[in-house]
mmCIF file of all heavy atoms, coordinates in Angstrom:
data_MODEL
# 
_entry.id   MODEL 
# 
loop_
_atom_site.group_PDB 
_atom_site.id 
_atom_site.type_symbol 
_atom_site.label_atom_id 
_atom_site.label_alt_id 
_atom_site.label_comp_id 
_atom_site.label_asym_id 
_atom_site.label_entity_id 
_atom_site.label_seq_id 
_atom_site.pdbx_PDB_ins_code 
_atom_site.Cartn_x 
_atom_site.Cartn_y 
_atom_site.Cartn_z 
_atom_site.occupancy 
_atom_site.B_iso_or_equiv 
_atom_site.pdbx_formal_charge 
_atom_site.auth_seq_id 
_atom_site.auth_comp_id 
_atom_site.auth_asym_id 
_atom_site.auth_atom_id 
_atom_site.pdbx_PDB_model_num 
ATOM 1   N N   . VAL A 1 1  ? -114.848 37.855 -10.401 1.00 0.00 ? 1  VAL A N   1 
ATOM 2   C CA  . VAL A 1 1  ? -113.561 37.454 -10.996 1.00 0.00 ? 1  VAL A CA  1 
ATOM 3   C C   . VAL A 1 1  ? -113.657 37.518 -12.512 1.00 0.00 ? 1  VAL A C   1 
ATOM 4   O O   . VAL A 1 1  ? -112.759 38.046 -13.191 1.00 0.00 ? 1  VAL A O   1 
ATOM 5   C CB  . VAL A 1 1  ? -113.152 36.029 -10.537 1.00 0.00 ? 1  VAL A CB  1 
ATOM 6   C CG1 . VAL A 1 1  ? -111.928 35.546 -11.324 1.00 0.00 ? 1  VAL A CG1 1 
ATOM 7   C CG2 . VAL A 1 1  ? -112.847 36.014 -9.050  1.00 0.00 ? 1  VAL A CG2 1 
ATOM 8   N N   . ALA A 1 2  ? -114.743 36.999 -13.065 1.00 0.00 ? 2  ALA A N   1 
ATOM 9   C CA  . ALA A 1 2  ? -114.937 37.041 -14.524 1.00 0.00 ? 2  ALA A CA  1 
ATOM 10  C C   . ALA A 1 2  ? -115.049 38.484 -15.014 1.00 0.00 ? 2  ALA A C   1 
ATOM 11  O O   . ALA A 1 2  ? -114.512 38.842 -16.069 1.00 0.00 ? 2  ALA A O   1 
ATOM 12  C CB  . ALA A 1 2  ? -116.187 36.251 -14.914 1.00 0.00 ? 2  ALA A CB  1 
ATOM 13  N N   . ALA A 1 3  ? -115.726 39.321 -14.226 1.00 0.00 ? 3  ALA A N   1 
ATOM 14  C CA  . ALA A 1 3  ? -115.868 40.730 -14.620 1.00 0.00 ? 3  ALA A CA  1 
ATOM 15  C C   . ALA A 1 3  ? -114.503 41.395 -14.754 1.00 0.00 ? 3  ALA A C   1 
ATOM 16  O O   . ALA A 1 3  ? -114.237 42.102 -15.743 1.00 0.00 ? 3  ALA A O   1 
ATOM 17  C CB  . ALA A 1 3  ? -116.720 41.478 -13.588 1.00 0.00 ? 3  ALA A CB  1 
ATOM 18  N N   . TYR A 1 4  ? -113.627 41.151 -13.795 1.00 0.00 ? 4  TYR A N   1 
ATOM 19  C CA  . TYR A 1 4  ? -112.333 41.833 -13.792 1.00 0.00 ? 4  TYR A CA  1 
ATOM 20  C C   . TYR A 1 4  ? -111.310 41.216 -14.735 1.00 0.00 ? 4  TYR A C   1 
ATOM 21  O O   . TYR A 1 4  ? -110.414 41.926 -15.215 1.00 0.00 ? 4  TYR A O   1 
ATOM 22  C CB  . TYR A 1 4  ? -111.754 41.861 -12.369 1.00 0.00 ? 4  TYR A CB  1 
ATOM 23  C CG  . TYR A 1 4  ? -112.399 42.901 -11.485 1.00 0.00 ? 4  TYR A CG  1 
ATOM 24  C CD1 . TYR A 1 4  ? -112.938 42.561 -10.244 1.00 0.00 ? 4  TYR A CD1 1 
ATOM 25  C CD2 . TYR A 1 4  ? -112.472 44.237 -11.880 1.00 0.00 ? 4  TYR A CD2 1 
ATOM 26  C CE1 . TYR A 1 4  ? -113.527 43.520 -9.425  1.00 0.00 ? 4  TYR A CE1 1 
ATOM 27  C CE2 . TYR A 1 4  ? -113.065 45.194 -11.072 1.00 0.00 ? 4  TYR A CE2 1 
ATOM 28  C CZ  . TYR A 1 4  ? -113.592 44.828 -9.849  1.00 0.00 ? 4  TYR A CZ  1 
ATOM 29  O OH  . TYR A 1 4  ? -114.183 45.786 -9.055  1.00 0.00 ? 4  TYR A OH  1 
ATOM 30  N N   . THR A 1 5  ? -111.407 39.909 -15.001 1.00 0.00 ? 5  THR A N   1 
ATOM 31  C CA  . THR A 1 5  ? -110.333 39.241 -15.756 1.00 0.00 ? 5  THR A CA  1 
ATOM 32  C C   . THR A 1 5  ? -110.654 38.994 -17.213 1.00 0.00 ? 5  THR A C   1 
ATOM 33  O O   . THR A 1 5  ? -109.753 38.730 -18.000 1.00 0.00 ? 5  THR A O   1 
ATOM 34  C CB  . THR A 1 5  ? -109.968 37.893 -15.098 1.00 0.00 ? 5  THR A CB  1 
ATOM 35  O OG1 . THR A 1 5  ? -111.136 37.058 -15.066 1.00 0.00 ? 5  THR A OG1 1 
ATOM 36  C CG2 . THR A 1 5  ? -109.447 38.088 -13.685 1.00 0.00 ? 5  THR A CG2 1 
ATOM 37  N N   . ARG A 1 6  ? -111.914 39.102 -17.598 1.00 0.00 ? 6  ARG A N   1 
ATOM 38  C CA  . ARG A 1 6  ? -112.282 38.829 -18.986 1.00 0.00 ? 6  ARG A CA  1 
ATOM 39  C C   . ARG A 1 6  ? -112.382 40.142 -19.769 1.00 0.00 ? 6  ARG A C   1 
ATOM 40  O O   . ARG A 1 6  ? -112.066 41.214 -19.270 1.00 0.00 ? 6  ARG A O   1 
ATOM 41  C CB  . ARG A 1 6  ? -113.611 38.055 -19.028 1.00 0.00 ? 6  ARG A CB  1 
ATOM 42  C CG  . ARG A 1 6  ? -113.589 36.759 -18.212 1.00 0.00 ? 6  ARG A CG  1 
ATOM 43  C CD  . ARG A 1 6  ? -113.152 35.555 -19.015 1.00 0.00 ? 6  ARG A CD  1 
ATOM 44  N NE  . ARG A 1 6  ? -114.150 35.206 -20.009 1.00 0.00 ? 6  ARG A NE  1 
ATOM 45  C CZ  . ARG A 1 6  ? -115.258 34.503 -19.752 1.00 0.00 ? 6  ARG A CZ  1 
ATOM 46  N NH1 . ARG A 1 6  ? -115.510 34.071 -18.525 1.00 0.00 ? 6  ARG A NH1 1 
ATOM 47  N NH2 . ARG A 1 6  ? -116.109 34.228 -20.719 1.00 0.00 ? 6  ARG A NH2 1 
ATOM 48  N N   . SER A 1 7  ? -112.870 40.065 -20.988 1.00 0.00 ? 7  SER A N   1 
ATOM 49  C CA  . SER A 1 7  ? -112.953 41.234 -21.878 1.00 0.00 ? 7  SER A CA  1 
ATOM 50  C C   . SER A 1 7  ? -113.698 42.402 -21.225 1.00 0.00 ? 7  SER A C   1 
ATOM 51  O O   . SER A 1 7  ? -114.721 42.207 -20.559 1.00 0.00 ? 7  SER A O   1 
ATOM 52  C CB  . SER A 1 7  ? -113.681 40.844 -23.170 1.00 0.00 ? 7  SER A CB  1 
ATOM 53  O OG  . SER A 1 7  ? -114.016 41.999 -23.911 1.00 0.00 ? 7  SER A OG  1 
ATOM 54  N N   . GLN A 1 8  ? -113.152 43.596 -21.422 1.00 0.00 ? 8  GLN A N   1 
ATOM 55  C CA  . GLN A 1 8  ? -113.762 44.819 -20.879 1.00 0.00 ? 8  GLN A CA  1 
ATOM 56  C C   . GLN A 1 8  ? -114.622 45.545 -21.923 1.00 0.00 ? 8  GLN A C   1 
ATOM 57  O O   . GLN A 1 8  ? -115.048 46.689 -21.697 1.00 0.00 ? 8  GLN A O   1 
ATOM 58  C CB  . GLN A 1 8  ? -112.673 45.756 -20.354 1.00 0.00 ? 8  GLN A CB  1 
ATOM 59  C CG  . GLN A 1 8  ? -111.801 45.134 -19.266 1.00 0.00 ? 8  GLN A CG  1 
ATOM 60  C CD  . GLN A 1 8  ? -112.587 44.722 -18.038 1.00 0.00 ? 8  GLN A CD  1 
ATOM 61  O OE1 . GLN A 1 8  ? -113.175 45.561 -17.360 1.00 0.00 ? 8  GLN A OE1 1 
ATOM 62  N NE2 . GLN A 1 8  ? -112.612 43.415 -17.739 1.00 0.00 ? 8  GLN A NE2 1 
ATOM 63  N N   . GLU A 1 9  ? -114.903 44.882 -23.021 1.00 0.00 ? 9  GLU A N   1 
ATOM 64  C CA  . GLU A 1 9  ? -115.679 45.506 -24.105 1.00 0.00 ? 9  GLU A CA  1 
ATOM 65  C C   . GLU A 1 9  ? -117.068 45.926 -23.614 1.00 0.00 ? 9  GLU A C   1 
ATOM 66  O O   . GLU A 1 9  ? -117.588 46.971 -24.001 1.00 0.00 ? 9  GLU A O   1 
ATOM 67  C CB  . GLU A 1 9  ? -115.802 44.526 -25.279 1.00 0.00 ? 9  GLU A CB  1 
ATOM 68  C CG  . GLU A 1 9  ? -116.395 45.150 -26.534 1.00 0.00 ? 9  GLU A CG  1 
ATOM 69  C CD  . GLU A 1 9  ? -116.590 44.128 -27.651 1.00 0.00 ? 9  GLU A CD  1 
ATOM 70  O OE1 . GLU A 1 9  ? -115.944 43.070 -27.631 1.00 0.00 ? 9  GLU A OE1 1 
ATOM 71  O OE2 . GLU A 1 9  ? -117.407 44.414 -28.557 1.00 0.00 ? 9  GLU A OE2 1 
ATOM 72  N N   . CYS A 1 10 ? -117.668 45.106 -22.738 1.00 0.00 ? 10 CYS A N   1 
ATOM 73  C CA  . CYS A 1 10 ? -119.012 45.414 -22.237 1.00 0.00 ? 10 CYS A CA  1 
ATOM 74  C C   . CYS A 1 10 ? -119.020 46.734 -21.460 1.00 0.00 ? 10 CYS A C   1 
ATOM 75  O O   . CYS A 1 10 ? -119.991 47.502 -21.517 1.00 0.00 ? 10 CYS A O   1 
ATOM 76  C CB  . CYS A 1 10 ? -119.528 44.287 -21.359 1.00 0.00 ? 10 CYS A CB  1 
ATOM 77  S SG  . CYS A 1 10 ? -118.463 43.893 -19.935 1.00 0.00 ? 10 CYS A SG  1 
ATOM 78  N N   . VAL A 1 11 ? -117.926 47.010 -20.750 1.00 0.00 ? 11 VAL A N   1 
ATOM 79  C CA  . VAL A 1 11 ? -117.824 48.240 -19.960 1.00 0.00 ? 11 VAL A CA  1 
ATOM 80  C C   . VAL A 1 11 ? -117.842 49.450 -20.892 1.00 0.00 ? 11 VAL A C   1 
ATOM 81  O O   . VAL A 1 11 ? -118.550 50.434 -20.648 1.00 0.00 ? 11 VAL A O   1 
ATOM 82  C CB  . VAL A 1 11 ? -116.531 48.236 -19.114 1.00 0.00 ? 11 VAL A CB  1 
ATOM 83  C CG1 . VAL A 1 11 ? -116.376 49.541 -18.346 1.00 0.00 ? 11 VAL A CG1 1 
ATOM 84  C CG2 . VAL A 1 11 ? -116.535 47.056 -18.153 1.00 0.00 ? 11 VAL A CG2 1 
ATOM 85  N N   . GLU A 1 12 ? -117.091 49.356 -21.973 1.00 0.00 ? 12 GLU A N   1 
ATOM 86  C CA  . GLU A 1 12 ? -117.018 50.460 -22.931 1.00 0.00 ? 12 GLU A CA  1 
ATOM 87  C C   . GLU A 1 12 ? -118.349 50.652 -23.656 1.00 0.00 ? 12 GLU A C   1 
ATOM 88  O O   . GLU A 1 12 ? -118.775 51.790 -23.899 1.00 0.00 ? 12 GLU A O   1 
ATOM 89  C CB  . GLU A 1 12 ? -115.879 50.223 -23.926 1.00 0.00 ? 12 GLU A CB  1 
ATOM 90  C CG  . GLU A 1 12 ? -115.737 51.282 -25.015 1.00 0.00 ? 12 GLU A CG  1 
ATOM 91  C CD  . GLU A 1 12 ? -115.458 52.699 -24.500 1.00 0.00 ? 12 GLU A CD  1 
ATOM 92  O OE1 . GLU A 1 12 ? -115.200 52.895 -23.299 1.00 0.00 ? 12 GLU A OE1 1 
ATOM 93  O OE2 . GLU A 1 12 ? -115.501 53.625 -25.332 1.00 0.00 ? 12 GLU A OE2 1 
ATOM 94  N N   . GLN A 1 13 ? -119.021 49.560 -23.975 1.00 0.00 ? 13 GLN A N   1 
ATOM 95  C CA  . GLN A 1 13 ? -120.324 49.673 -24.656 1.00 0.00 ? 13 GLN A CA  1 
ATOM 96  C C   . GLN A 1 13 ? -121.331 50.414 -23.777 1.00 0.00 ? 13 GLN A C   1 
ATOM 97  O O   . GLN A 1 13 ? -122.066 51.287 -24.247 1.00 0.00 ? 13 GLN A O   1 
ATOM 98  C CB  . GLN A 1 13 ? -120.855 48.278 -25.007 1.00 0.00 ? 13 GLN A CB  1 
ATOM 99  C CG  . GLN A 1 13 ? -120.147 47.630 -26.177 1.00 0.00 ? 13 GLN A CG  1 
ATOM 100 C CD  . GLN A 1 13 ? -120.590 46.192 -26.406 1.00 0.00 ? 13 GLN A CD  1 
ATOM 101 O OE1 . GLN A 1 13 ? -121.249 45.579 -25.557 1.00 0.00 ? 13 GLN A OE1 1 
ATOM 102 N NE2 . GLN A 1 13 ? -120.223 45.630 -27.545 1.00 0.00 ? 13 GLN A NE2 1 
ATOM 103 N N   . MET A 1 14 ? -121.341 50.065 -22.486 1.00 0.00 ? 14 MET A N   1 
ATOM 104 C CA  . MET A 1 14 ? -122.265 50.735 -21.568 1.00 0.00 ? 14 MET A CA  1 
ATOM 105 C C   . MET A 1 14 ? -121.867 52.194 -21.370 1.00 0.00 ? 14 MET A C   1 
ATOM 106 O O   . MET A 1 14 ? -122.725 53.082 -21.315 1.00 0.00 ? 14 MET A O   1 
ATOM 107 C CB  . MET A 1 14 ? -122.331 49.989 -20.232 1.00 0.00 ? 14 MET A CB  1 
ATOM 108 C CG  . MET A 1 14 ? -123.083 48.671 -20.323 1.00 0.00 ? 14 MET A CG  1 
ATOM 109 S SD  . MET A 1 14 ? -123.355 47.856 -18.730 1.00 0.00 ? 14 MET A SD  1 
ATOM 110 C CE  . MET A 1 14 ? -121.870 46.887 -18.551 1.00 0.00 ? 14 MET A CE  1 
ATOM 111 N N   . ARG A 1 15 ? -120.559 52.457 -21.296 1.00 0.00 ? 15 ARG A N   1 
ATOM 112 C CA  . ARG A 1 15 ? -120.088 53.839 -21.131 1.00 0.00 ? 15 ARG A CA  1 
ATOM 113 C C   . ARG A 1 15 ? -120.540 54.708 -22.306 1.00 0.00 ? 15 ARG A C   1 
ATOM 114 O O   . ARG A 1 15 ? -120.995 55.837 -22.115 1.00 0.00 ? 15 ARG A O   1 
ATOM 115 C CB  . ARG A 1 15 ? -118.561 53.868 -21.012 1.00 0.00 ? 15 ARG A CB  1 
ATOM 116 C CG  . ARG A 1 15 ? -117.998 55.241 -20.606 1.00 0.00 ? 15 ARG A CG  1 
ATOM 117 C CD  . ARG A 1 15 ? -116.524 55.369 -20.917 1.00 0.00 ? 15 ARG A CD  1 
ATOM 118 N NE  . ARG A 1 15 ? -116.293 55.424 -22.355 1.00 0.00 ? 15 ARG A NE  1 
ATOM 119 C CZ  . ARG A 1 15 ? -116.445 56.526 -23.104 1.00 0.00 ? 15 ARG A CZ  1 
ATOM 120 N NH1 . ARG A 1 15 ? -116.836 57.654 -22.561 1.00 0.00 ? 15 ARG A NH1 1 
ATOM 121 N NH2 . ARG A 1 15 ? -116.212 56.483 -24.408 1.00 0.00 ? 15 ARG A NH2 1 
ATOM 122 N N   . LEU A 1 16 ? -120.426 54.153 -23.507 1.00 0.00 ? 16 LEU A N   1 
ATOM 123 C CA  . LEU A 1 16 ? -120.845 54.901 -24.698 1.00 0.00 ? 16 LEU A CA  1 
ATOM 124 C C   . LEU A 1 16 ? -122.345 55.192 -24.667 1.00 0.00 ? 16 LEU A C   1 
ATOM 125 O O   . LEU A 1 16 ? -122.790 56.276 -25.046 1.00 0.00 ? 16 LEU A O   1 
ATOM 126 C CB  . LEU A 1 16 ? -120.482 54.128 -25.969 1.00 0.00 ? 16 LEU A CB  1 
ATOM 127 C CG  . LEU A 1 16 ? -118.987 54.100 -26.320 1.00 0.00 ? 16 LEU A CG  1 
ATOM 128 C CD1 . LEU A 1 16 ? -118.702 53.092 -27.427 1.00 0.00 ? 16 LEU A CD1 1 
ATOM 129 C CD2 . LEU A 1 16 ? -118.507 55.491 -26.733 1.00 0.00 ? 16 LEU A CD2 1 
ATOM 130 N N   . ALA A 1 17 ? -123.125 54.222 -24.205 1.00 0.00 ? 17 ALA A N   1 
ATOM 131 C CA  . ALA A 1 17 ? -124.579 54.432 -24.093 1.00 0.00 ? 17 ALA A CA  1 
ATOM 132 C C   . ALA A 1 17 ? -124.885 55.525 -23.069 1.00 0.00 ? 17 ALA A C   1 
ATOM 133 O O   . ALA A 1 17 ? -125.733 56.392 -23.310 1.00 0.00 ? 17 ALA A O   1 
ATOM 134 C CB  . ALA A 1 17 ? -125.268 53.129 -23.710 1.00 0.00 ? 17 ALA A CB  1 
ATOM 135 N N   . PHE A 1 18 ? -124.188 55.492 -21.938 1.00 0.00 ? 18 PHE A N   1 
ATOM 136 C CA  . PHE A 1 18 ? -124.394 56.525 -20.921 1.00 0.00 ? 18 PHE A CA  1 
ATOM 137 C C   . PHE A 1 18 ? -123.996 57.900 -21.445 1.00 0.00 ? 18 PHE A C   1 
ATOM 138 O O   . PHE A 1 18 ? -124.649 58.901 -21.152 1.00 0.00 ? 18 PHE A O   1 
ATOM 139 C CB  . PHE A 1 18 ? -123.598 56.206 -19.651 1.00 0.00 ? 18 PHE A CB  1 
ATOM 140 C CG  . PHE A 1 18 ? -124.177 55.087 -18.824 1.00 0.00 ? 18 PHE A CG  1 
ATOM 141 C CD1 . PHE A 1 18 ? -123.371 54.054 -18.365 1.00 0.00 ? 18 PHE A CD1 1 
ATOM 142 C CD2 . PHE A 1 18 ? -125.524 55.072 -18.490 1.00 0.00 ? 18 PHE A CD2 1 
ATOM 143 C CE1 . PHE A 1 18 ? -123.895 53.026 -17.594 1.00 0.00 ? 18 PHE A CE1 1 
ATOM 144 C CE2 . PHE A 1 18 ? -126.062 54.052 -17.713 1.00 0.00 ? 18 PHE A CE2 1 
ATOM 145 C CZ  . PHE A 1 18 ? -125.242 53.021 -17.265 1.00 0.00 ? 18 PHE A CZ  1 
ATOM 146 N N   . GLU A 1 19 ? -122.930 57.943 -22.228 1.00 0.00 ? 19 GLU A N   1 
ATOM 147 C CA  . GLU A 1 19 ? -122.487 59.234 -22.780 1.00 0.00 ? 19 GLU A CA  1 
ATOM 148 C C   . GLU A 1 19 ? -123.538 59.800 -23.734 1.00 0.00 ? 19 GLU A C   1 
ATOM 149 O O   . GLU A 1 19 ? -123.832 61.002 -23.714 1.00 0.00 ? 19 GLU A O   1 
ATOM 150 C CB  . GLU A 1 19 ? -121.147 59.070 -23.496 1.00 0.00 ? 19 GLU A CB  1 
ATOM 151 C CG  . GLU A 1 19 ? -120.558 60.405 -23.941 1.00 0.00 ? 19 GLU A CG  1 
ATOM 152 C CD  . GLU A 1 19 ? -119.112 60.294 -24.396 1.00 0.00 ? 19 GLU A CD  1 
ATOM 153 O OE1 . GLU A 1 19 ? -118.663 59.177 -24.730 1.00 0.00 ? 19 GLU A OE1 1 
ATOM 154 O OE2 . GLU A 1 19 ? -118.431 61.332 -24.409 1.00 0.00 ? 19 GLU A OE2 1 
ATOM 155 N N   . ARG A 1 20 ? -124.104 58.926 -24.560 1.00 0.00 ? 20 ARG A N   1 
ATOM 156 C CA  . ARG A 1 20 ? -125.163 59.371 -25.476 1.00 0.00 ? 20 ARG A CA  1 
ATOM 157 C C   . ARG A 1 20 ? -126.360 59.898 -24.689 1.00 0.00 ? 20 ARG A C   1 
ATOM 158 O O   . ARG A 1 20 ? -126.944 60.936 -25.023 1.00 0.00 ? 20 ARG A O   1 
ATOM 159 C CB  . ARG A 1 20 ? -125.592 58.189 -26.369 1.00 0.00 ? 20 ARG A CB  1 
ATOM 160 C CG  . ARG A 1 20 ? -126.596 58.580 -27.454 1.00 0.00 ? 20 ARG A CG  1 
ATOM 161 C CD  . ARG A 1 20 ? -127.169 57.373 -28.175 1.00 0.00 ? 20 ARG A CD  1 
ATOM 162 N NE  . ARG A 1 20 ? -128.054 56.592 -27.310 1.00 0.00 ? 20 ARG A NE  1 
ATOM 163 C CZ  . ARG A 1 20 ? -127.805 55.353 -26.922 1.00 0.00 ? 20 ARG A CZ  1 
ATOM 164 N NH1 . ARG A 1 20 ? -126.702 54.724 -27.297 1.00 0.00 ? 20 ARG A NH1 1 
ATOM 165 N NH2 . ARG A 1 20 ? -128.674 54.721 -26.144 1.00 0.00 ? 20 ARG A NH2 1 
ATOM 166 N N   . ARG A 1 21 ? -126.722 59.191 -23.625 1.00 0.00 ? 21 ARG A N   1 
ATOM 167 C CA  . ARG A 1 21 ? -127.853 59.617 -22.802 1.00 0.00 ? 21 ARG A CA  1 
ATOM 168 C C   . ARG A 1 21 ? -127.537 60.919 -22.067 1.00 0.00 ? 21 ARG A C   1 
ATOM 169 O O   . ARG A 1 21 ? -128.430 61.762 -21.887 1.00 0.00 ? 21 ARG A O   1 
ATOM 170 C CB  . ARG A 1 21 ? -128.201 58.522 -21.784 1.00 0.00 ? 21 ARG A CB  1 
ATOM 171 C CG  . ARG A 1 21 ? -128.730 57.252 -22.429 1.00 0.00 ? 21 ARG A CG  1 
ATOM 172 C CD  . ARG A 1 21 ? -128.722 56.123 -21.420 1.00 0.00 ? 21 ARG A CD  1 
ATOM 173 N NE  . ARG A 1 21 ? -129.269 54.896 -21.945 1.00 0.00 ? 21 ARG A NE  1 
ATOM 174 C CZ  . ARG A 1 21 ? -129.408 53.785 -21.220 1.00 0.00 ? 21 ARG A CZ  1 
ATOM 175 N NH1 . ARG A 1 21 ? -129.028 53.785 -19.951 1.00 0.00 ? 21 ARG A NH1 1 
ATOM 176 N NH2 . ARG A 1 21 ? -129.905 52.692 -21.756 1.00 0.00 ? 21 ARG A NH2 1 
ATOM 177 N N   . ARG A 1 22 ? -126.297 61.060 -21.624 1.00 0.00 ? 22 ARG A N   1 
ATOM 178 C CA  . ARG A 1 22 ? -125.873 62.315 -20.987 1.00 0.00 ? 22 ARG A CA  1 
ATOM 179 C C   . ARG A 1 22 ? -126.115 63.483 -21.941 1.00 0.00 ? 22 ARG A C   1 
ATOM 180 O O   . ARG A 1 22 ? -126.693 64.513 -21.568 1.00 0.00 ? 22 ARG A O   1 
ATOM 181 C CB  . ARG A 1 22 ? -124.381 62.213 -20.608 1.00 0.00 ? 22 ARG A CB  1 
ATOM 182 C CG  . ARG A 1 22 ? -123.790 63.385 -19.806 1.00 0.00 ? 22 ARG A CG  1 
ATOM 183 C CD  . ARG A 1 22 ? -123.271 64.554 -20.619 1.00 0.00 ? 22 ARG A CD  1 
ATOM 184 N NE  . ARG A 1 22 ? -122.380 64.228 -21.701 1.00 0.00 ? 22 ARG A NE  1 
ATOM 185 C CZ  . ARG A 1 22 ? -121.054 64.372 -21.679 1.00 0.00 ? 22 ARG A CZ  1 
ATOM 186 N NH1 . ARG A 1 22 ? -120.465 64.796 -20.593 1.00 0.00 ? 22 ARG A NH1 1 
ATOM 187 N NH2 . ARG A 1 22 ? -120.321 64.100 -22.761 1.00 0.00 ? 22 ARG A NH2 1 
ATOM 188 N N   . ASP A 1 23 ? -125.654 63.315 -23.171 1.00 0.00 ? 23 ASP A N   1 
ATOM 189 C CA  . ASP A 1 23 ? -125.826 64.383 -24.164 1.00 0.00 ? 23 ASP A CA  1 
ATOM 190 C C   . ASP A 1 23 ? -127.308 64.690 -24.394 1.00 0.00 ? 23 ASP A C   1 
ATOM 191 O O   . ASP A 1 23 ? -127.697 65.858 -24.522 1.00 0.00 ? 23 ASP A O   1 
ATOM 192 C CB  . ASP A 1 23 ? -125.160 63.995 -25.486 1.00 0.00 ? 23 ASP A CB  1 
ATOM 193 C CG  . ASP A 1 23 ? -123.646 63.905 -25.373 1.00 0.00 ? 23 ASP A CG  1 
ATOM 194 O OD1 . ASP A 1 23 ? -123.094 64.435 -24.388 1.00 0.00 ? 23 ASP A OD1 1 
ATOM 195 O OD2 . ASP A 1 23 ? -123.016 63.297 -26.263 1.00 0.00 ? 23 ASP A OD2 1 
ATOM 196 N N   . LEU A 1 24 ? -128.126 63.637 -24.418 1.00 0.00 ? 24 LEU A N   1 
ATOM 197 C CA  . LEU A 1 24 ? -129.563 63.798 -24.664 1.00 0.00 ? 24 LEU A CA  1 
ATOM 198 C C   . LEU A 1 24 ? -130.239 64.548 -23.513 1.00 0.00 ? 24 LEU A C   1 
ATOM 199 O O   . LEU A 1 24 ? -130.959 65.528 -23.739 1.00 0.00 ? 24 LEU A O   1 
ATOM 200 C CB  . LEU A 1 24 ? -130.209 62.415 -24.857 1.00 0.00 ? 24 LEU A CB  1 
ATOM 201 C CG  . LEU A 1 24 ? -131.742 62.383 -24.985 1.00 0.00 ? 24 LEU A CG  1 
ATOM 202 C CD1 . LEU A 1 24 ? -132.190 63.140 -26.243 1.00 0.00 ? 24 LEU A CD1 1 
ATOM 203 C CD2 . LEU A 1 24 ? -132.253 60.934 -25.031 1.00 0.00 ? 24 LEU A CD2 1 
ATOM 204 N N   . ILE A 1 25 ? -129.986 64.126 -22.271 1.00 0.00 ? 25 ILE A N   1 
ATOM 205 C CA  . ILE A 1 25 ? -130.683 64.739 -21.136 1.00 0.00 ? 25 ILE A CA  1 
ATOM 206 C C   . ILE A 1 25 ? -130.207 66.172 -20.900 1.00 0.00 ? 25 ILE A C   1 
ATOM 207 O O   . ILE A 1 25 ? -130.996 67.050 -20.547 1.00 0.00 ? 25 ILE A O   1 
ATOM 208 C CB  . ILE A 1 25 ? -130.559 63.873 -19.863 1.00 0.00 ? 25 ILE A CB  1 
ATOM 209 C CG1 . ILE A 1 25 ? -131.660 64.266 -18.858 1.00 0.00 ? 25 ILE A CG1 1 
ATOM 210 C CG2 . ILE A 1 25 ? -129.178 63.974 -19.224 1.00 0.00 ? 25 ILE A CG2 1 
ATOM 211 C CD1 . ILE A 1 25 ? -131.828 63.294 -17.700 1.00 0.00 ? 25 ILE A CD1 1 
# 
């Protein structure tokens, strides 16, 4: 419930990290 109803900033931070790693690999 907290994951879905609170700030989604953490989701975007992780997405950006995955994108950087995608580019690297």
